[in-house]
Amino acid sequence: MKKIIYLLFLLSASNLFAQEYLVQVAAFNQAVESNYFSSRGLNNVYLQPSANFYRYVSGPYNSESAAQAARNEAAALGFNAYVMNMTAIRETCASACVPQTMSLEEKLKVRNIFFDFDRSDLRGESRHELDILTRILNENPNYFVEVHAYTDAKGTNTYNEALSERRRNSVINYLKNHGIDGSRIKSFAHGEESPVAKNEINGTDSPEGRQYNRRVELKVKDGSGLIDVVEDINVPDYLRK
């Protein structure tokens, strides 16, 4: 009898301390085709219900390291993925959730914008991030945003300067088309300057590093300085400049 009670205790303890993680691969304003992710080399992605957008995730994973490895795989394929600790989210909601004007998902920081190779059109997940930014700007009329556009190191300086201008304009036009006055947007096109990741590793091309560099960085400010509403770009150590 004591042995059975002890086993039951171990089972309940393992459930108590177990962690469950998901990786949000992307979020869109509308559903995507069923082969959208597999055709890009990412399998086992499914739609998770959300009241505000179409959230696509992988998992669950029972350790943060496993979830982080899955996040890195998605990031290497160009997705702006991040890890969600579902156990912590549930515990927070169980102990402290009260009616709020903004959901837990919406309170997550805005993520910077990334692009496909030699492209300046916005991805679906980028439009979602700009929708969040639009809401922040609308709710805080004293805020403005700086748009800093970059490319990777492929191509000439002249070509990359023009490409970064097109990427900058894609973001600016989206914000303006969604009601943000142009006076609240400051824009910069940097070409291939200031990479956040290595374009090459030991003389060998790094597609993963170049993906991080094909970006628009967003900086939200007011009269006092930078507002902490934009998530830092999480570059793996082996890719950092």
C-alpha atoms as a PDB file:
ATOM      1  CA  MET A   1       0.000   0.000   0.000  1.00  0.00           C
ATOM      2  CA  LYS A   2       2.812   2.401   0.936  1.00  0.00           C
ATOM      3  CA  LYS A   3       4.516   1.593  -2.357  1.00  0.00           C
ATOM      4  CA  ILE A   4       1.354   2.493  -4.325  1.00  0.00           C
ATOM      5  CA  ILE A   5       0.978   5.765  -2.431  1.00  0.00           C
ATOM      6  CA  TYR A   6       4.645   6.576  -3.125  1.00  0.00           C
ATOM      7  CA  LEU A   7       4.202   5.880  -6.839  1.00  0.00           C
ATOM      8  CA  LEU A   8       1.113   8.098  -6.942  1.00  0.00           C
ATOM      9  CA  PHE A   9       3.118  10.828  -5.234  1.00  0.00           C
ATOM     10  CA  LEU A  10       5.869  10.556  -7.841  1.00  0.00           C
ATOM     11  CA  LEU A  11       3.351  10.772 -10.661  1.00  0.00           C
ATOM     12  CA  SER A  12       1.664  13.821  -9.204  1.00  0.00           C
ATOM     13  CA  ALA A  13       5.031  15.468  -8.559  1.00  0.00           C
ATOM     14  CA  SER A  14       6.173  14.850 -12.114  1.00  0.00           C
ATOM     15  CA  ASN A  15       2.992  16.508 -13.390  1.00  0.00           C
ATOM     16  CA  LEU A  16       3.476  19.389 -10.994  1.00  0.00           C
ATOM     17  CA  PHE A  17       7.015  20.200 -12.159  1.00  0.00           C
ATOM     18  CA  ALA A  18       6.640  19.231 -15.820  1.00  0.00           C
ATOM     19  CA  GLN A  19       6.903  22.093 -18.269  1.00  0.00           C
ATOM     20  CA  GLU A  20       5.176  22.341 -21.605  1.00  0.00           C
ATOM     21  CA  TYR A  21       6.494  24.557 -24.368  1.00  0.00           C
ATOM     22  CA  LEU A  22       5.175  25.496 -27.788  1.00  0.00           C
ATOM     23  CA  VAL A  23       6.987  27.320 -30.560  1.00  0.00           C
ATOM     24  CA  GLN A  24       4.960  29.961 -32.351  1.00  0.00           C
ATOM     25  CA  VAL A  25       6.249  29.702 -35.894  1.00  0.00           C
ATOM     26  CA  ALA A  26       4.071  32.428 -37.422  1.00  0.00           C
ATOM     27  CA  ALA A  27       0.853  34.383 -36.978  1.00  0.00           C
ATOM     28  CA  PHE A  28      -1.291  35.702 -39.811  1.00  0.00           C
ATOM     29  CA  ASN A  29      -4.431  37.736 -40.302  1.00  0.00           C
ATOM     30  CA  GLN A  30      -5.870  34.916 -42.395  1.00  0.00           C
ATOM     31  CA  ALA A  31      -5.360  31.171 -42.719  1.00  0.00           C
ATOM     32  CA  VAL A  32      -2.649  29.868 -45.050  1.00  0.00           C
ATOM     33  CA  GLU A  33      -2.658  26.823 -47.339  1.00  0.00           C
ATOM     34  CA  SER A  34      -2.121  23.452 -45.679  1.00  0.00           C
ATOM     35  CA  ASN A  35       1.302  22.967 -47.311  1.00  0.00           C
ATOM     36  CA  TYR A  36       2.549  26.508 -46.584  1.00  0.00           C
ATOM     37  CA  PHE A  37       5.052  25.374 -43.950  1.00  0.00           C
ATOM     38  CA  SER A  38       6.015  21.955 -45.304  1.00  0.00           C
ATOM     39  CA  SER A  39       6.787  23.470 -48.716  1.00  0.00           C
ATOM     40  CA  ARG A  40       9.293  25.720 -46.920  1.00  0.00           C
ATOM     41  CA  GLY A  41      10.950  22.813 -45.135  1.00  0.00           C
ATOM     42  CA  LEU A  42       9.136  22.987 -41.814  1.00  0.00           C
ATOM     43  CA  ASN A  43       6.974  20.038 -40.768  1.00  0.00           C
ATOM     44  CA  ASN A  44       4.632  19.285 -37.852  1.00  0.00           C
ATOM     45  CA  VAL A  45       3.211  22.803 -37.719  1.00  0.00           C
ATOM     46  CA  TYR A  46      -0.467  23.158 -36.832  1.00  0.00           C
ATOM     47  CA  LEU A  47      -3.033  25.881 -36.244  1.00  0.00           C
ATOM     48  CA  GLN A  48      -3.697  26.806 -32.633  1.00  0.00           C
ATOM     49  CA  PRO A  49      -6.973  28.649 -31.961  1.00  0.00           C
ATOM     50  CA  SER A  50      -6.632  32.330 -31.134  1.00  0.00           C
ATOM     51  CA  ALA A  51      -9.246  35.028 -30.856  1.00  0.00           C
ATOM     52  CA  ASN A  52      -7.153  37.636 -32.634  1.00  0.00           C
ATOM     53  CA  PHE A  53      -5.199  35.932 -35.421  1.00  0.00           C
ATOM     54  CA  TYR A  54      -4.225  32.601 -36.987  1.00  0.00           C
ATOM     55  CA  ARG A  55      -1.421  31.269 -34.797  1.00  0.00           C
ATOM     56  CA  TYR A  56       0.726  28.422 -36.174  1.00  0.00           C
ATOM     57  CA  VAL A  57       2.785  26.436 -33.691  1.00  0.00           C
ATOM     58  CA  SER A  58       4.881  23.298 -33.284  1.00  0.00           C
ATOM     59  CA  GLY A  59       5.146  21.129 -30.192  1.00  0.00           C
ATOM     60  CA  PRO A  60       4.442  20.577 -27.404  1.00  0.00           C
ATOM     61  CA  TYR A  61       7.983  20.126 -26.053  1.00  0.00           C
ATOM     62  CA  ASN A  62       8.749  19.048 -22.496  1.00  0.00           C
ATOM     63  CA  SER A  63      11.964  21.062 -22.159  1.00  0.00           C
ATOM     64  CA  GLU A  64      13.017  24.583 -23.019  1.00  0.00           C
ATOM     65  CA  SER A  65      16.118  23.315 -24.819  1.00  0.00           C
ATOM     66  CA  ALA A  66      14.016  21.156 -27.163  1.00  0.00           C
ATOM     67  CA  ALA A  67      11.691  24.068 -27.849  1.00  0.00           C
ATOM     68  CA  GLN A  68      14.642  26.389 -28.455  1.00  0.00           C
ATOM     69  CA  ALA A  69      16.112  23.925 -30.960  1.00  0.00           C
ATOM     70  CA  ALA A  70      12.787  23.897 -32.828  1.00  0.00           C
ATOM     71  CA  ARG A  71      12.688  27.708 -32.726  1.00  0.00           C
ATOM     72  CA  ASN A  72      16.201  27.873 -34.188  1.00  0.00           C
ATOM     73  CA  GLU A  73      15.186  25.489 -36.980  1.00  0.00           C
ATOM     74  CA  ALA A  74      12.199  27.680 -37.864  1.00  0.00           C
ATOM     75  CA  ALA A  75      14.311  30.850 -37.673  1.00  0.00           C
ATOM     76  CA  ALA A  76      16.901  29.340 -40.021  1.00  0.00           C
ATOM     77  CA  LEU A  77      14.102  28.881 -42.560  1.00  0.00           C
ATOM     78  CA  GLY A  78      13.100  32.526 -42.285  1.00  0.00           C
ATOM     79  CA  PHE A  79      10.289  32.389 -39.724  1.00  0.00           C
ATOM     80  CA  ASN A  80      10.225  34.905 -36.873  1.00  0.00           C
ATOM     81  CA  ALA A  81       9.586  32.163 -34.313  1.00  0.00           C
ATOM     82  CA  TYR A  82       9.671  32.280 -30.529  1.00  0.00           C
ATOM     83  CA  VAL A  83       9.221  29.916 -27.576  1.00  0.00           C
ATOM     84  CA  MET A  84       6.111  30.030 -25.388  1.00  0.00           C
ATOM     85  CA  ASN A  85       6.165  28.502 -21.901  1.00  0.00           C
ATOM     86  CA  MET A  86       2.585  27.268 -21.818  1.00  0.00           C
ATOM     87  CA  THR A  87       2.856  26.045 -18.229  1.00  0.00           C
ATOM     88  CA  ALA A  88       3.827  29.510 -17.029  1.00  0.00           C
ATOM     89  CA  ILE A  89       1.069  31.121 -19.094  1.00  0.00           C
ATOM     90  CA  ARG A  90      -1.564  28.772 -17.623  1.00  0.00           C
ATOM     91  CA  GLU A  91      -0.280  29.342 -14.086  1.00  0.00           C
ATOM     92  CA  THR A  92      -0.406  33.104 -14.593  1.00  0.00           C
ATOM     93  CA  CYS A  93      -3.963  32.925 -15.865  1.00  0.00           C
ATOM     94  CA  ALA A  94      -5.060  30.563 -13.109  1.00  0.00           C
ATOM     95  CA  SER A  95      -3.775  32.851 -10.360  1.00  0.00           C
ATOM     96  CA  ALA A  96      -4.064  36.351 -11.718  1.00  0.00           C
ATOM     97  CA  CYS A  97      -6.100  36.616 -14.903  1.00  0.00           C
ATOM     98  CA  VAL A  98      -8.796  39.275 -14.696  1.00  0.00           C
ATOM     99  CA  PRO A  99     -10.798  40.938 -17.481  1.00  0.00           C
ATOM    100  CA  GLN A 100      -8.453  43.120 -19.506  1.00  0.00           C
ATOM    101  CA  THR A 101      -8.752  45.343 -22.545  1.00  0.00           C
ATOM    102  CA  MET A 102      -5.814  43.594 -24.193  1.00  0.00           C
ATOM    103  CA  SER A 103      -5.261  39.829 -24.413  1.00  0.00           C
ATOM    104  CA  LEU A 104      -2.088  38.040 -23.310  1.00  0.00           C
ATOM    105  CA  GLU A 105      -1.068  37.543 -26.945  1.00  0.00           C
ATOM    106  CA  GLU A 106      -1.495  41.218 -27.737  1.00  0.00           C
ATOM    107  CA  LYS A 107       0.677  42.230 -24.794  1.00  0.00           C
ATOM    108  CA  LEU A 108       3.670  40.476 -26.316  1.00  0.00           C
ATOM    109  CA  LYS A 109       6.247  42.841 -27.742  1.00  0.00           C
ATOM    110  CA  VAL A 110       6.355  43.809 -31.389  1.00  0.00           C
ATOM    111  CA  ARG A 111       8.900  41.800 -33.349  1.00  0.00           C
ATOM    112  CA  ASN A 112      11.130  43.228 -36.029  1.00  0.00           C
ATOM    113  CA  ILE A 113      10.410  42.607 -39.703  1.00  0.00           C
ATOM    114  CA  PHE A 114      12.288  40.070 -41.857  1.00  0.00           C
ATOM    115  CA  PHE A 115      12.310  39.469 -45.606  1.00  0.00           C
ATOM    116  CA  ASP A 116      12.920  36.715 -48.130  1.00  0.00           C
ATOM    117  CA  PHE A 117      16.040  36.892 -50.275  1.00  0.00           C
ATOM    118  CA  ASP A 118      15.963  39.789 -52.761  1.00  0.00           C
ATOM    119  CA  ARG A 119      12.368  40.590 -51.785  1.00  0.00           C
ATOM    120  CA  SER A 120      10.728  43.648 -50.287  1.00  0.00           C
ATOM    121  CA  ASP A 121       7.118  42.433 -49.919  1.00  0.00           C
ATOM    122  CA  LEU A 122       5.843  41.837 -46.404  1.00  0.00           C
ATOM    123  CA  ARG A 123       5.328  38.326 -45.074  1.00  0.00           C
ATOM    124  CA  GLY A 124       2.090  37.459 -43.340  1.00  0.00           C
ATOM    125  CA  GLU A 125       3.701  37.377 -39.901  1.00  0.00           C
ATOM    126  CA  SER A 126       5.253  40.791 -40.590  1.00  0.00           C
ATOM    127  CA  ARG A 127       1.849  42.285 -41.328  1.00  0.00           C
ATOM    128  CA  HIS A 128       0.644  40.932 -38.000  1.00  0.00           C
ATOM    129  CA  GLU A 129       3.541  42.605 -36.176  1.00  0.00           C
ATOM    130  CA  LEU A 130       2.791  45.899 -37.921  1.00  0.00           C
ATOM    131  CA  ASP A 131      -0.857  45.569 -36.893  1.00  0.00           C
ATOM    132  CA  ILE A 132       0.287  45.382 -33.261  1.00  0.00           C
ATOM    133  CA  LEU A 133       2.570  48.379 -33.815  1.00  0.00           C
ATOM    134  CA  THR A 134      -0.327  50.304 -35.350  1.00  0.00           C
ATOM    135  CA  ARG A 135      -2.449  49.659 -32.269  1.00  0.00           C
ATOM    136  CA  ILE A 136       0.369  50.811 -29.970  1.00  0.00           C
ATOM    137  CA  LEU A 137       0.815  54.023 -31.955  1.00  0.00           C
ATOM    138  CA  ASN A 138      -2.921  54.677 -32.057  1.00  0.00           C
ATOM    139  CA  GLU A 139      -3.235  54.224 -28.292  1.00  0.00           C
ATOM    140  CA  ASN A 140      -0.209  56.438 -27.609  1.00  0.00           C
ATOM    141  CA  PRO A 141      -0.418  59.555 -29.802  1.00  0.00           C
ATOM    142  CA  ASN A 142       2.879  60.894 -28.386  1.00  0.00           C
ATOM    143  CA  TYR A 143       4.786  57.885 -29.758  1.00  0.00           C
ATOM    144  CA  PHE A 144       6.549  57.805 -33.117  1.00  0.00           C
ATOM    145  CA  VAL A 145       8.488  55.064 -34.879  1.00  0.00           C
ATOM    146  CA  GLU A 146      11.841  54.864 -36.594  1.00  0.00           C
ATOM    147  CA  VAL A 147      12.073  52.398 -39.480  1.00  0.00           C
ATOM    148  CA  HIS A 148      15.608  51.143 -40.172  1.00  0.00           C
ATOM    149  CA  ALA A 149      15.928  48.927 -43.267  1.00  0.00           C
ATOM    150  CA  TYR A 150      18.848  46.581 -44.046  1.00  0.00           C
ATOM    151  CA  THR A 151      19.945  43.856 -46.476  1.00  0.00           C
ATOM    152  CA  ASP A 152      22.386  40.984 -46.360  1.00  0.00           C
ATOM    153  CA  ALA A 153      25.764  41.212 -48.135  1.00  0.00           C
ATOM    154  CA  LYS A 154      24.745  39.597 -51.432  1.00  0.00           C
ATOM    155  CA  GLY A 155      24.871  42.043 -54.362  1.00  0.00           C
ATOM    156  CA  THR A 156      26.508  45.420 -54.846  1.00  0.00           C
ATOM    157  CA  ASN A 157      26.301  48.307 -52.411  1.00  0.00           C
ATOM    158  CA  THR A 158      24.220  50.293 -54.884  1.00  0.00           C
ATOM    159  CA  TYR A 159      21.735  47.467 -55.387  1.00  0.00           C
ATOM    160  CA  ASN A 160      21.442  46.800 -51.657  1.00  0.00           C
ATOM    161  CA  GLU A 161      20.853  50.460 -50.857  1.00  0.00           C
ATOM    162  CA  ALA A 162      17.941  50.459 -53.315  1.00  0.00           C
ATOM    163  CA  LEU A 163      16.637  47.153 -51.909  1.00  0.00           C
ATOM    164  CA  SER A 164      16.720  48.495 -48.350  1.00  0.00           C
ATOM    165  CA  GLU A 165      14.773  51.533 -49.555  1.00  0.00           C
ATOM    166  CA  ARG A 166      12.083  49.257 -51.002  1.00  0.00           C
ATOM    167  CA  ARG A 167      11.872  47.320 -47.742  1.00  0.00           C
ATOM    168  CA  ARG A 168      11.643  50.556 -45.795  1.00  0.00           C
ATOM    169  CA  ASN A 169       8.862  51.765 -48.087  1.00  0.00           C
ATOM    170  CA  SER A 170       6.908  48.511 -47.668  1.00  0.00           C
ATOM    171  CA  VAL A 171       6.767  49.059 -43.917  1.00  0.00           C
ATOM    172  CA  ILE A 172       6.023  52.787 -44.193  1.00  0.00           C
ATOM    173  CA  ASN A 173       3.242  52.269 -46.729  1.00  0.00           C
ATOM    174  CA  TYR A 174       1.633  49.571 -44.578  1.00  0.00           C
ATOM    175  CA  LEU A 175       1.589  51.859 -41.548  1.00  0.00           C
ATOM    176  CA  LYS A 176       0.244  54.804 -43.536  1.00  0.00           C
ATOM    177  CA  ASN A 177      -2.427  52.639 -45.178  1.00  0.00           C
ATOM    178  CA  HIS A 178      -3.558  51.632 -41.682  1.00  0.00           C
ATOM    179  CA  GLY A 179      -3.983  55.184 -40.463  1.00  0.00           C
ATOM    180  CA  ILE A 180      -0.573  56.202 -39.087  1.00  0.00           C
ATOM    181  CA  ASP A 181       0.324  59.751 -40.114  1.00  0.00           C
ATOM    182  CA  GLY A 182       3.596  60.061 -42.000  1.00  0.00           C
ATOM    183  CA  SER A 183       4.813  62.711 -39.552  1.00  0.00           C
ATOM    184  CA  ARG A 184       5.063  59.968 -36.921  1.00  0.00           C
ATOM    185  CA  ILE A 185       7.368  57.809 -39.049  1.00  0.00           C
ATOM    186  CA  LYS A 186      11.085  58.435 -39.469  1.00  0.00           C
ATOM    187  CA  SER A 187      12.807  56.190 -41.975  1.00  0.00           C
ATOM    188  CA  PHE A 188      16.360  55.121 -42.796  1.00  0.00           C
ATOM    189  CA  ALA A 189      17.769  52.841 -45.504  1.00  0.00           C
ATOM    190  CA  HIS A 190      21.160  51.376 -44.557  1.00  0.00           C
ATOM    191  CA  GLY A 191      21.818  48.791 -47.285  1.00  0.00           C
ATOM    192  CA  GLU A 192      24.159  46.056 -46.070  1.00  0.00           C
ATOM    193  CA  GLU A 193      25.659  48.204 -43.304  1.00  0.00           C
ATOM    194  CA  SER A 194      25.520  47.100 -39.643  1.00  0.00           C
ATOM    195  CA  PRO A 195      24.702  43.378 -39.983  1.00  0.00           C
ATOM    196  CA  VAL A 196      23.452  41.712 -36.792  1.00  0.00           C
ATOM    197  CA  ALA A 197      24.706  38.280 -37.893  1.00  0.00           C
ATOM    198  CA  LYS A 198      27.525  36.812 -39.953  1.00  0.00           C
ATOM    199  CA  ASN A 199      26.911  36.710 -43.694  1.00  0.00           C
ATOM    200  CA  GLU A 200      29.720  34.156 -43.937  1.00  0.00           C
ATOM    201  CA  ILE A 201      31.304  31.723 -41.493  1.00  0.00           C
ATOM    202  CA  ASN A 202      34.962  30.890 -42.154  1.00  0.00           C
ATOM    203  CA  GLY A 203      34.602  32.042 -45.746  1.00  0.00           C
ATOM    204  CA  THR A 204      31.472  29.955 -46.371  1.00  0.00           C
ATOM    205  CA  ASP A 205      28.107  31.529 -47.146  1.00  0.00           C
ATOM    206  CA  SER A 206      25.685  31.488 -44.192  1.00  0.00           C
ATOM    207  CA  PRO A 207      22.032  31.579 -45.358  1.00  0.00           C
ATOM    208  CA  GLU A 208      20.908  31.522 -41.727  1.00  0.00           C
ATOM    209  CA  GLY A 209      23.034  34.553 -40.867  1.00  0.00           C
ATOM    210  CA  ARG A 210      21.934  36.419 -43.975  1.00  0.00           C
ATOM    211  CA  GLN A 211      18.281  35.849 -43.022  1.00  0.00           C
ATOM    212  CA  TYR A 212      18.802  37.795 -39.803  1.00  0.00           C
ATOM    213  CA  ASN A 213      20.355  40.650 -41.784  1.00  0.00           C
ATOM    214  CA  ARG A 214      17.433  40.969 -44.242  1.00  0.00           C
ATOM    215  CA  ARG A 215      15.395  43.052 -41.863  1.00  0.00           C
ATOM    216  CA  VAL A 216      13.644  46.236 -40.869  1.00  0.00           C
ATOM    217  CA  GLU A 217      14.316  47.230 -37.279  1.00  0.00           C
ATOM    218  CA  LEU A 218      11.595  49.195 -35.500  1.00  0.00           C
ATOM    219  CA  LYS A 219      12.370  51.736 -32.785  1.00  0.00           C
ATOM    220  CA  VAL A 220       9.380  53.229 -30.966  1.00  0.00           C
ATOM    221  CA  LYS A 221      10.108  56.513 -29.188  1.00  0.00           C
ATOM    222  CA  ASP A 222       8.519  59.478 -27.489  1.00  0.00           C
ATOM    223  CA  GLY A 223       9.966  62.847 -26.509  1.00  0.00           C
ATOM    224  CA  SER A 224      11.982  61.236 -23.707  1.00  0.00           C
ATOM    225  CA  GLY A 225      13.616  58.473 -25.727  1.00  0.00           C
ATOM    226  CA  LEU A 226      13.199  54.797 -26.607  1.00  0.00           C
ATOM    227  CA  ILE A 227      10.052  52.914 -25.529  1.00  0.00           C
ATOM    228  CA  ASP A 228      10.584  49.255 -24.641  1.00  0.00           C
ATOM    229  CA  VAL A 229       7.901  47.696 -26.847  1.00  0.00           C
ATOM    230  CA  VAL A 230      10.040  46.050 -29.557  1.00  0.00           C
ATOM    231  CA  GLU A 231      11.594  42.648 -28.953  1.00  0.00           C
ATOM    232  CA  ASP A 232      15.358  42.358 -29.423  1.00  0.00           C
ATOM    233  CA  ILE A 233      16.584  40.240 -32.327  1.00  0.00           C
ATOM    234  CA  ASN A 234      17.758  36.977 -30.771  1.00  0.00           C
ATOM    235  CA  VAL A 235      20.776  35.931 -32.855  1.00  0.00           C
ATOM    236  CA  PRO A 236      22.421  32.606 -31.875  1.00  0.00           C
ATOM    237  CA  ASP A 237      25.909  32.982 -30.449  1.00  0.00           C
ATOM    238  CA  TYR A 238      27.636  31.229 -33.352  1.00  0.00           C
ATOM    239  CA  LEU A 239      26.118  33.738 -35.806  1.00  0.00           C
ATOM    240  CA  ARG A 240      26.761  36.946 -33.892  1.00  0.00           C
ATOM    241  CA  LYS A 241      29.105  39.521 -35.349  1.00  0.00           C
END
